[in-house]
Every structure is written in structure tokens, then in C-alpha cells.
């Protein structure tokens, strides 16, 4: 059995961010979501976001969710 220090329920932007932050700090994290794909409501955003590049300007929600999920999975 794999040891888990933190369990996160919800694979939306907040859950992905929490999982990424915890994993970056060395915690053993498990992330639960009822959907097959991570990203929550973010994947439904079809418009491109405004703001700076640091805030994902010009990106669609599904692409942002894919990038966040890939970072979480990499940890």
C-alpha cells in the first residue's frame, strides 16, 4: 500500500493547484475527482483568457487544465 500524506478531493483548478503545491514541497499526494479528465469547470471555458502571459492570456480553459494536470502528474 502506498503511503499518502494529503488527500485532495476535486480535480478542478483549486485541487490541481493544491496538489501541485503540496507535491512540490515533497508531500505524498492523492487527488480524487469524479470525472475522467482533470480540470473541473475550467475545461468548459471556450473563450481565450485576458491578462498577462503569466495569467495564461490567450489560452483556452481546456489548455490551461491540461497544462496544470500534466504538472501534477509529473510529480
N, C-alpha and C. Protein backbone atom coordinates (compact mmCIF):
# COMPACT_ATOMS: atom_id res chain seq x y z
N UNK A 1 0.84 -1.17 0.00
CA UNK A 1 0.00 0.00 0.00
C UNK A 1 0.89 1.24 0.00
N UNK A 2 0.54 2.18 -0.85
CA UNK A 2 1.30 3.42 -0.96
C UNK A 2 0.89 4.39 0.15
N UNK A 3 1.86 5.01 0.79
CA UNK A 3 1.59 5.98 1.85
C UNK A 3 1.18 7.31 1.25
N UNK A 4 0.12 7.90 1.79
CA UNK A 4 -0.35 9.21 1.36
C UNK A 4 -0.40 10.13 2.56
N UNK A 5 0.13 11.33 2.38
CA UNK A 5 0.09 12.32 3.45
C UNK A 5 -1.07 13.29 3.29
N UNK A 6 -1.44 13.57 2.04
CA UNK A 6 -2.51 14.53 1.76
C UNK A 6 -3.46 13.95 0.73
N UNK A 7 -4.75 14.00 1.02
CA UNK A 7 -5.78 13.60 0.06
C UNK A 7 -6.54 14.86 -0.36
N UNK A 8 -6.66 15.06 -1.65
CA UNK A 8 -7.36 16.23 -2.18
C UNK A 8 -8.56 15.72 -2.97
N UNK A 9 -9.73 16.26 -2.66
CA UNK A 9 -10.96 15.88 -3.35
C UNK A 9 -11.34 17.01 -4.30
N UNK A 10 -11.34 16.71 -5.58
CA UNK A 10 -11.69 17.70 -6.60
C UNK A 10 -10.49 18.02 -7.47
N UNK A 11 -10.62 17.75 -8.76
CA UNK A 11 -9.54 17.97 -9.70
C UNK A 11 -9.71 19.22 -10.53
N UNK A 12 -10.42 20.21 -9.98
CA UNK A 12 -10.54 21.49 -10.66
C UNK A 12 -9.28 22.32 -10.44
N UNK A 13 -9.29 23.58 -10.86
CA UNK A 13 -8.11 24.42 -10.73
C UNK A 13 -7.57 24.51 -9.29
N UNK A 14 -8.46 24.63 -8.31
CA UNK A 14 -8.01 24.72 -6.92
C UNK A 14 -7.38 23.42 -6.45
N UNK A 15 -8.01 22.30 -6.78
CA UNK A 15 -7.46 21.00 -6.40
C UNK A 15 -6.13 20.72 -7.08
N UNK A 16 -6.04 21.05 -8.37
CA UNK A 16 -4.79 20.87 -9.09
C UNK A 16 -3.69 21.75 -8.51
N UNK A 17 -4.03 23.00 -8.19
CA UNK A 17 -3.05 23.91 -7.60
C UNK A 17 -2.58 23.43 -6.24
N UNK A 18 -3.52 22.94 -5.42
CA UNK A 18 -3.17 22.43 -4.10
C UNK A 18 -2.28 21.19 -4.22
N UNK A 19 -2.64 20.30 -5.13
CA UNK A 19 -1.85 19.08 -5.33
C UNK A 19 -0.44 19.41 -5.81
N UNK A 20 -0.34 20.35 -6.74
CA UNK A 20 0.96 20.75 -7.27
C UNK A 20 1.82 21.40 -6.18
N UNK A 21 1.22 22.28 -5.40
CA UNK A 21 1.97 22.94 -4.32
C UNK A 21 2.46 21.94 -3.29
N UNK A 22 1.57 21.04 -2.87
CA UNK A 22 1.95 20.05 -1.86
C UNK A 22 3.02 19.10 -2.39
N UNK A 23 2.87 18.65 -3.63
CA UNK A 23 3.85 17.73 -4.21
C UNK A 23 5.20 18.41 -4.39
N UNK A 24 5.18 19.69 -4.77
CA UNK A 24 6.42 20.45 -4.93
C UNK A 24 7.17 20.55 -3.61
N UNK A 25 6.42 20.58 -2.50
CA UNK A 25 7.05 20.64 -1.18
C UNK A 25 7.42 19.26 -0.65
N UNK A 26 7.20 18.23 -1.46
CA UNK A 26 7.64 16.89 -1.07
C UNK A 26 6.59 15.99 -0.46
N UNK A 27 5.35 16.45 -0.38
CA UNK A 27 4.29 15.64 0.22
C UNK A 27 3.85 14.53 -0.74
N UNK A 28 3.42 13.42 -0.18
CA UNK A 28 2.82 12.33 -0.94
C UNK A 28 1.34 12.66 -1.07
N UNK A 29 0.88 12.91 -2.29
CA UNK A 29 -0.47 13.42 -2.52
C UNK A 29 -1.28 12.44 -3.36
N UNK A 30 -2.56 12.30 -3.02
CA UNK A 30 -3.50 11.58 -3.88
C UNK A 30 -4.64 12.55 -4.19
N UNK A 31 -5.04 12.58 -5.45
CA UNK A 31 -6.06 13.51 -5.93
C UNK A 31 -7.26 12.71 -6.43
N UNK A 32 -8.44 12.99 -5.90
CA UNK A 32 -9.67 12.30 -6.29
C UNK A 32 -10.57 13.25 -7.07
N UNK A 33 -11.15 12.75 -8.15
CA UNK A 33 -12.13 13.53 -8.90
C UNK A 33 -13.13 12.57 -9.52
N UNK A 34 -14.37 12.97 -9.63
CA UNK A 34 -15.40 12.08 -10.17
C UNK A 34 -15.37 12.01 -11.70
N UNK A 35 -14.71 12.95 -12.33
CA UNK A 35 -14.62 12.97 -13.79
C UNK A 35 -13.41 12.17 -14.28
N UNK A 36 -13.43 11.81 -15.53
CA UNK A 36 -12.30 11.09 -16.12
C UNK A 36 -11.14 12.01 -16.44
N UNK A 37 -11.45 13.29 -16.70
CA UNK A 37 -10.41 14.27 -17.01
C UNK A 37 -10.33 15.30 -15.90
N UNK A 38 -9.12 15.75 -15.62
CA UNK A 38 -8.93 16.78 -14.60
C UNK A 38 -9.19 18.16 -15.20
N UNK A 39 -9.51 19.11 -14.33
CA UNK A 39 -9.70 20.49 -14.77
C UNK A 39 -11.01 21.11 -14.33
N UNK A 40 -11.96 20.29 -13.90
CA UNK A 40 -13.24 20.83 -13.42
C UNK A 40 -13.95 21.67 -14.46
N UNK A 41 -14.53 22.78 -14.02
CA UNK A 41 -15.28 23.67 -14.90
C UNK A 41 -14.37 24.41 -15.89
N UNK A 42 -13.09 24.44 -15.59
CA UNK A 42 -12.14 25.15 -16.45
C UNK A 42 -12.15 24.59 -17.87
N UNK A 43 -12.37 23.30 -18.01
CA UNK A 43 -12.34 22.69 -19.35
C UNK A 43 -13.51 23.15 -20.22
N UNK A 44 -14.53 23.75 -19.61
CA UNK A 44 -15.68 24.25 -20.37
C UNK A 44 -15.49 25.67 -20.88
N UNK A 45 -14.42 26.32 -20.46
CA UNK A 45 -14.16 27.70 -20.89
C UNK A 45 -13.64 27.70 -22.32
N UNK A 46 -14.44 28.16 -23.25
CA UNK A 46 -14.04 28.15 -24.65
C UNK A 46 -13.40 29.46 -25.10
N UNK A 47 -13.61 30.53 -24.35
CA UNK A 47 -13.00 31.81 -24.73
C UNK A 47 -11.54 31.84 -24.30
N UNK A 48 -10.77 32.70 -24.90
CA UNK A 48 -9.38 32.87 -24.50
C UNK A 48 -9.32 33.86 -23.35
N UNK A 49 -8.49 33.56 -22.37
CA UNK A 49 -8.39 34.39 -21.19
C UNK A 49 -7.65 35.69 -21.48
N UNK A 50 -8.02 36.75 -20.75
CA UNK A 50 -7.38 38.05 -20.87
C UNK A 50 -6.33 38.19 -19.78
N UNK A 51 -5.49 39.18 -19.89
CA UNK A 51 -4.49 39.46 -18.86
C UNK A 51 -3.09 39.24 -19.39
N UNK A 52 -2.19 38.98 -18.48
CA UNK A 52 -0.79 38.80 -18.84
C UNK A 52 -0.52 37.34 -19.20
N UNK A 53 0.62 37.11 -19.84
CA UNK A 53 1.02 35.74 -20.17
C UNK A 53 1.17 34.89 -18.90
N UNK A 54 1.60 35.52 -17.79
CA UNK A 54 1.73 34.80 -16.52
C UNK A 54 0.37 34.31 -16.03
N UNK A 55 -0.69 34.98 -16.48
CA UNK A 55 -2.05 34.59 -16.09
C UNK A 55 -2.75 33.86 -17.24
N UNK A 56 -1.96 33.25 -18.12
CA UNK A 56 -2.47 32.42 -19.22
C UNK A 56 -3.27 33.20 -20.26
N UNK A 57 -2.93 34.46 -20.50
CA UNK A 57 -3.64 35.24 -21.52
C UNK A 57 -3.52 34.55 -22.87
N UNK A 58 -4.62 34.54 -23.61
CA UNK A 58 -4.64 33.93 -24.93
C UNK A 58 -4.84 32.43 -24.93
N UNK A 59 -4.98 31.83 -23.76
CA UNK A 59 -5.18 30.37 -23.65
C UNK A 59 -6.65 30.05 -23.38
N UNK A 60 -7.09 28.94 -23.87
CA UNK A 60 -8.44 28.45 -23.56
C UNK A 60 -8.38 27.60 -22.30
N UNK A 61 -9.50 27.53 -21.60
CA UNK A 61 -9.55 26.80 -20.34
C UNK A 61 -9.07 25.37 -20.42
N UNK A 62 -9.43 24.68 -21.48
CA UNK A 62 -9.04 23.27 -21.59
C UNK A 62 -7.52 23.13 -21.67
N UNK A 63 -6.86 24.06 -22.34
CA UNK A 63 -5.40 24.01 -22.46
C UNK A 63 -4.74 24.30 -21.10
N UNK A 64 -5.30 25.25 -20.36
CA UNK A 64 -4.79 25.57 -19.03
C UNK A 64 -4.94 24.34 -18.13
N UNK A 65 -6.10 23.70 -18.17
CA UNK A 65 -6.34 22.50 -17.37
C UNK A 65 -5.37 21.38 -17.74
N UNK A 66 -5.14 21.19 -19.04
CA UNK A 66 -4.19 20.16 -19.48
C UNK A 66 -2.79 20.44 -18.96
N UNK A 67 -2.36 21.69 -19.01
CA UNK A 67 -1.03 22.06 -18.53
C UNK A 67 -0.90 21.83 -17.02
N UNK A 68 -1.92 22.24 -16.25
CA UNK A 68 -1.89 22.02 -14.80
C UNK A 68 -1.88 20.53 -14.47
N UNK A 69 -2.73 19.77 -15.15
CA UNK A 69 -2.80 18.33 -14.89
C UNK A 69 -1.47 17.65 -15.21
N UNK A 70 -0.83 18.06 -16.30
CA UNK A 70 0.47 17.48 -16.67
C UNK A 70 1.53 17.76 -15.61
N UNK A 71 1.50 18.96 -15.04
CA UNK A 71 2.46 19.30 -13.98
C UNK A 71 2.21 18.45 -12.73
N UNK A 72 0.94 18.26 -12.39
CA UNK A 72 0.60 17.44 -11.22
C UNK A 72 1.03 15.99 -11.45
N UNK A 73 0.73 15.46 -12.61
CA UNK A 73 1.07 14.07 -12.92
C UNK A 73 2.58 13.86 -12.93
N UNK A 74 3.32 14.87 -13.37
CA UNK A 74 4.79 14.77 -13.42
C UNK A 74 5.40 14.65 -12.02
N UNK A 75 4.67 15.10 -11.00
CA UNK A 75 5.18 14.99 -9.63
C UNK A 75 4.74 13.68 -9.05
